[in-house]
Amino acid sequence: MLLLVLSITGLMLWNGWKKLSVGFKIRWKAPWRILHYDLHKVGGMLSVIFLVLIATSSSFMVFDKPIKDLAYLIAGKEKITNPIFHLPTNSQILNLDQIFQIANT
């Protein structure tokens, strides 16, 4: 969740929204601090798509039950329950030879 928040705030703070050429420009001959800033800025924008995808998919994996409950609530549908299978008590247990004979027939 924190990675998702950091990615979204990084997108909001990116200074290339008004002019894309400024946002993706790397000043190679500038002092090292400016060069590192430009590399950080461009690298962050190039990786933000993957970071958001990783953050959302992992959040859905961790918070699976609350997200499903919220989806049912928003959709106004009742929750689908999985059918429970009951093994009959009067069934006979087959050994391996009987199973093999049934499979051959």
C-alpha atoms as a PDB file:
ATOM      1  CA  MET A   1       0.000   0.000   0.000  1.00  0.00           C
ATOM      2  CA  LEU A   2       2.872   2.338   0.798  1.00  0.00           C
ATOM      3  CA  LEU A   3       4.457   1.675  -2.606  1.00  0.00           C
ATOM      4  CA  LEU A   4       1.178   2.612  -4.254  1.00  0.00           C
ATOM      5  CA  VAL A   5       0.974   5.847  -2.248  1.00  0.00           C
ATOM      6  CA  LEU A   6       4.591   6.711  -3.036  1.00  0.00           C
ATOM      7  CA  SER A   7       4.071   6.058  -6.750  1.00  0.00           C
ATOM      8  CA  ILE A   8       0.953   8.199  -6.940  1.00  0.00           C
ATOM      9  CA  THR A   9       2.514  11.085  -5.011  1.00  0.00           C
ATOM     10  CA  GLY A  10       5.594  10.843  -7.216  1.00  0.00           C
ATOM     11  CA  LEU A  11       3.349  11.171 -10.262  1.00  0.00           C
ATOM     12  CA  MET A  12       1.660  14.206  -8.754  1.00  0.00           C
ATOM     13  CA  LEU A  13       4.955  15.915  -7.895  1.00  0.00           C
ATOM     14  CA  TRP A  14       6.616  15.284 -11.286  1.00  0.00           C
ATOM     15  CA  ASN A  15       7.559  18.558 -12.913  1.00  0.00           C
ATOM     16  CA  GLY A  16       7.058  17.434 -16.510  1.00  0.00           C
ATOM     17  CA  TRP A  17       3.272  17.695 -16.631  1.00  0.00           C
ATOM     18  CA  LYS A  18       3.297  21.177 -18.150  1.00  0.00           C
ATOM     19  CA  LYS A  19       6.009  20.416 -20.697  1.00  0.00           C
ATOM     20  CA  LEU A  20       7.120  16.837 -21.400  1.00  0.00           C
ATOM     21  CA  SER A  21      10.519  17.866 -22.755  1.00  0.00           C
ATOM     22  CA  VAL A  22      11.408  19.324 -19.338  1.00  0.00           C
ATOM     23  CA  GLY A  23      10.234  16.194 -17.522  1.00  0.00           C
ATOM     24  CA  PHE A  24      12.309  13.775 -19.606  1.00  0.00           C
ATOM     25  CA  LYS A  25      15.400  15.960 -20.070  1.00  0.00           C
ATOM     26  CA  ILE A  26      18.711  14.774 -18.608  1.00  0.00           C
ATOM     27  CA  ARG A  27      21.417  17.409 -18.323  1.00  0.00           C
ATOM     28  CA  TRP A  28      24.522  15.254 -18.795  1.00  0.00           C
ATOM     29  CA  LYS A  29      27.083  18.068 -18.415  1.00  0.00           C
ATOM     30  CA  ALA A  30      25.515  19.551 -15.287  1.00  0.00           C
ATOM     31  CA  PRO A  31      27.039  19.146 -11.795  1.00  0.00           C
ATOM     32  CA  TRP A  32      26.628  15.718 -10.257  1.00  0.00           C
ATOM     33  CA  ARG A  33      23.723  16.702  -7.977  1.00  0.00           C
ATOM     34  CA  ILE A  34      21.636  17.991 -10.888  1.00  0.00           C
ATOM     35  CA  LEU A  35      22.560  14.925 -12.968  1.00  0.00           C
ATOM     36  CA  HIS A  36      21.420  12.610 -10.149  1.00  0.00           C
ATOM     37  CA  TYR A  37      18.191  14.581  -9.803  1.00  0.00           C
ATOM     38  CA  ASP A  38      17.490  14.304 -13.537  1.00  0.00           C
ATOM     39  CA  LEU A  39      18.239  10.561 -13.541  1.00  0.00           C
ATOM     40  CA  HIS A  40      15.961  10.087 -10.526  1.00  0.00           C
ATOM     41  CA  LYS A  41      13.189  12.097 -12.186  1.00  0.00           C
ATOM     42  CA  VAL A  42      13.344  10.257 -15.552  1.00  0.00           C
ATOM     43  CA  GLY A  43      13.911   6.819 -14.016  1.00  0.00           C
ATOM     44  CA  GLY A  44      10.971   7.311 -11.685  1.00  0.00           C
ATOM     45  CA  MET A  45       8.637   8.226 -14.514  1.00  0.00           C
ATOM     46  CA  LEU A  46       9.757   5.262 -16.603  1.00  0.00           C
ATOM     47  CA  SER A  47       9.278   2.835 -13.714  1.00  0.00           C
ATOM     48  CA  VAL A  48       6.037   4.233 -12.246  1.00  0.00           C
ATOM     49  CA  ILE A  49       3.815   2.089 -14.505  1.00  0.00           C
ATOM     50  CA  PHE A  50       5.430  -1.125 -13.294  1.00  0.00           C
ATOM     51  CA  LEU A  51       5.464   0.045  -9.682  1.00  0.00           C
ATOM     52  CA  VAL A  52       1.745   0.853  -9.728  1.00  0.00           C
ATOM     53  CA  LEU A  53       0.939  -2.523 -11.320  1.00  0.00           C
ATOM     54  CA  ILE A  54       3.046  -4.396  -8.766  1.00  0.00           C
ATOM     55  CA  ALA A  55       1.592  -2.417  -5.854  1.00  0.00           C
ATOM     56  CA  THR A  56      -2.052  -2.873  -6.891  1.00  0.00           C
ATOM     57  CA  SER A  57      -1.731  -6.577  -7.693  1.00  0.00           C
ATOM     58  CA  SER A  58       0.056  -7.316  -4.422  1.00  0.00           C
ATOM     59  CA  SER A  59      -2.512  -5.283  -2.489  1.00  0.00           C
ATOM     60  CA  PHE A  60      -5.295  -7.309  -4.100  1.00  0.00           C
ATOM     61  CA  MET A  61      -3.505 -10.513  -3.090  1.00  0.00           C
ATOM     62  CA  VAL A  62      -3.081  -9.425   0.520  1.00  0.00           C
ATOM     63  CA  PHE A  63      -6.482  -7.796   0.992  1.00  0.00           C
ATOM     64  CA  ASP A  64      -8.464 -10.358  -1.026  1.00  0.00           C
ATOM     65  CA  LYS A  65     -11.396 -10.823   1.360  1.00  0.00           C
ATOM     66  CA  PRO A  66     -12.093  -7.134   2.134  1.00  0.00           C
ATOM     67  CA  ILE A  67     -11.917  -6.216  -1.564  1.00  0.00           C
ATOM     68  CA  LYS A  68     -14.358  -8.980  -2.510  1.00  0.00           C
ATOM     69  CA  ASP A  69     -16.725  -7.934   0.288  1.00  0.00           C
ATOM     70  CA  LEU A  70     -16.560  -4.324  -0.907  1.00  0.00           C
ATOM     71  CA  ALA A  71     -17.250  -5.402  -4.502  1.00  0.00           C
ATOM     72  CA  TYR A  72     -20.354  -7.354  -3.432  1.00  0.00           C
ATOM     73  CA  LEU A  73     -21.500  -4.370  -1.366  1.00  0.00           C
ATOM     74  CA  ILE A  74     -21.057  -1.925  -4.256  1.00  0.00           C
ATOM     75  CA  ALA A  75     -22.734  -4.270  -6.748  1.00  0.00           C
ATOM     76  CA  GLY A  76     -25.641  -4.884  -4.384  1.00  0.00           C
ATOM     77  CA  LYS A  77     -25.450  -8.647  -4.866  1.00  0.00           C
ATOM     78  CA  GLU A  78     -25.420 -11.315  -2.220  1.00  0.00           C
ATOM     79  CA  LYS A  79     -22.224 -13.203  -1.581  1.00  0.00           C
ATOM     80  CA  ILE A  80     -21.809 -16.469  -3.478  1.00  0.00           C
ATOM     81  CA  THR A  81     -20.959 -19.368  -1.196  1.00  0.00           C
ATOM     82  CA  ASN A  82     -19.093 -22.415  -2.411  1.00  0.00           C
ATOM     83  CA  PRO A  83     -21.080 -25.661  -2.316  1.00  0.00           C
ATOM     84  CA  ILE A  84     -19.980 -28.104   0.360  1.00  0.00           C
ATOM     85  CA  PHE A  85     -19.388 -31.667  -0.820  1.00  0.00           C
ATOM     86  CA  HIS A  86     -20.495 -34.427   1.522  1.00  0.00           C
ATOM     87  CA  LEU A  87     -19.159 -37.930   1.032  1.00  0.00           C
ATOM     88  CA  PRO A  88     -21.910 -40.494   1.550  1.00  0.00           C
ATOM     89  CA  THR A  89     -21.349 -42.615   4.653  1.00  0.00           C
ATOM     90  CA  ASN A  90     -22.515 -45.831   3.003  1.00  0.00           C
ATOM     91  CA  SER A  91     -19.919 -45.701   0.201  1.00  0.00           C
ATOM     92  CA  GLN A  92     -17.440 -48.510  -0.070  1.00  0.00           C
ATOM     93  CA  ILE A  93     -13.687 -47.934  -0.151  1.00  0.00           C
ATOM     94  CA  LEU A  94     -12.064 -49.413  -3.237  1.00  0.00           C
ATOM     95  CA  ASN A  95      -8.573 -50.801  -3.351  1.00  0.00           C
ATOM     96  CA  LEU A  96      -6.125 -50.098  -6.157  1.00  0.00           C
ATOM     97  CA  ASP A  97      -6.943 -53.212  -8.186  1.00  0.00           C
ATOM     98  CA  GLN A  98     -10.661 -52.394  -8.203  1.00  0.00           C
ATOM     99  CA  ILE A  99      -9.976 -48.813  -9.283  1.00  0.00           C
ATOM    100  CA  PHE A 100      -7.689 -50.061 -12.079  1.00  0.00           C
ATOM    101  CA  GLN A 101     -10.350 -52.548 -13.244  1.00  0.00           C
ATOM    102  CA  ILE A 102     -13.018 -49.802 -13.306  1.00  0.00           C
ATOM    103  CA  ALA A 103     -10.681 -47.525 -15.266  1.00  0.00           C
ATOM    104  CA  ASN A 104      -9.984 -50.215 -17.848  1.00  0.00           C
ATOM    105  CA  THR A 105     -13.663 -50.832 -18.440  1.00  0.00           C
END
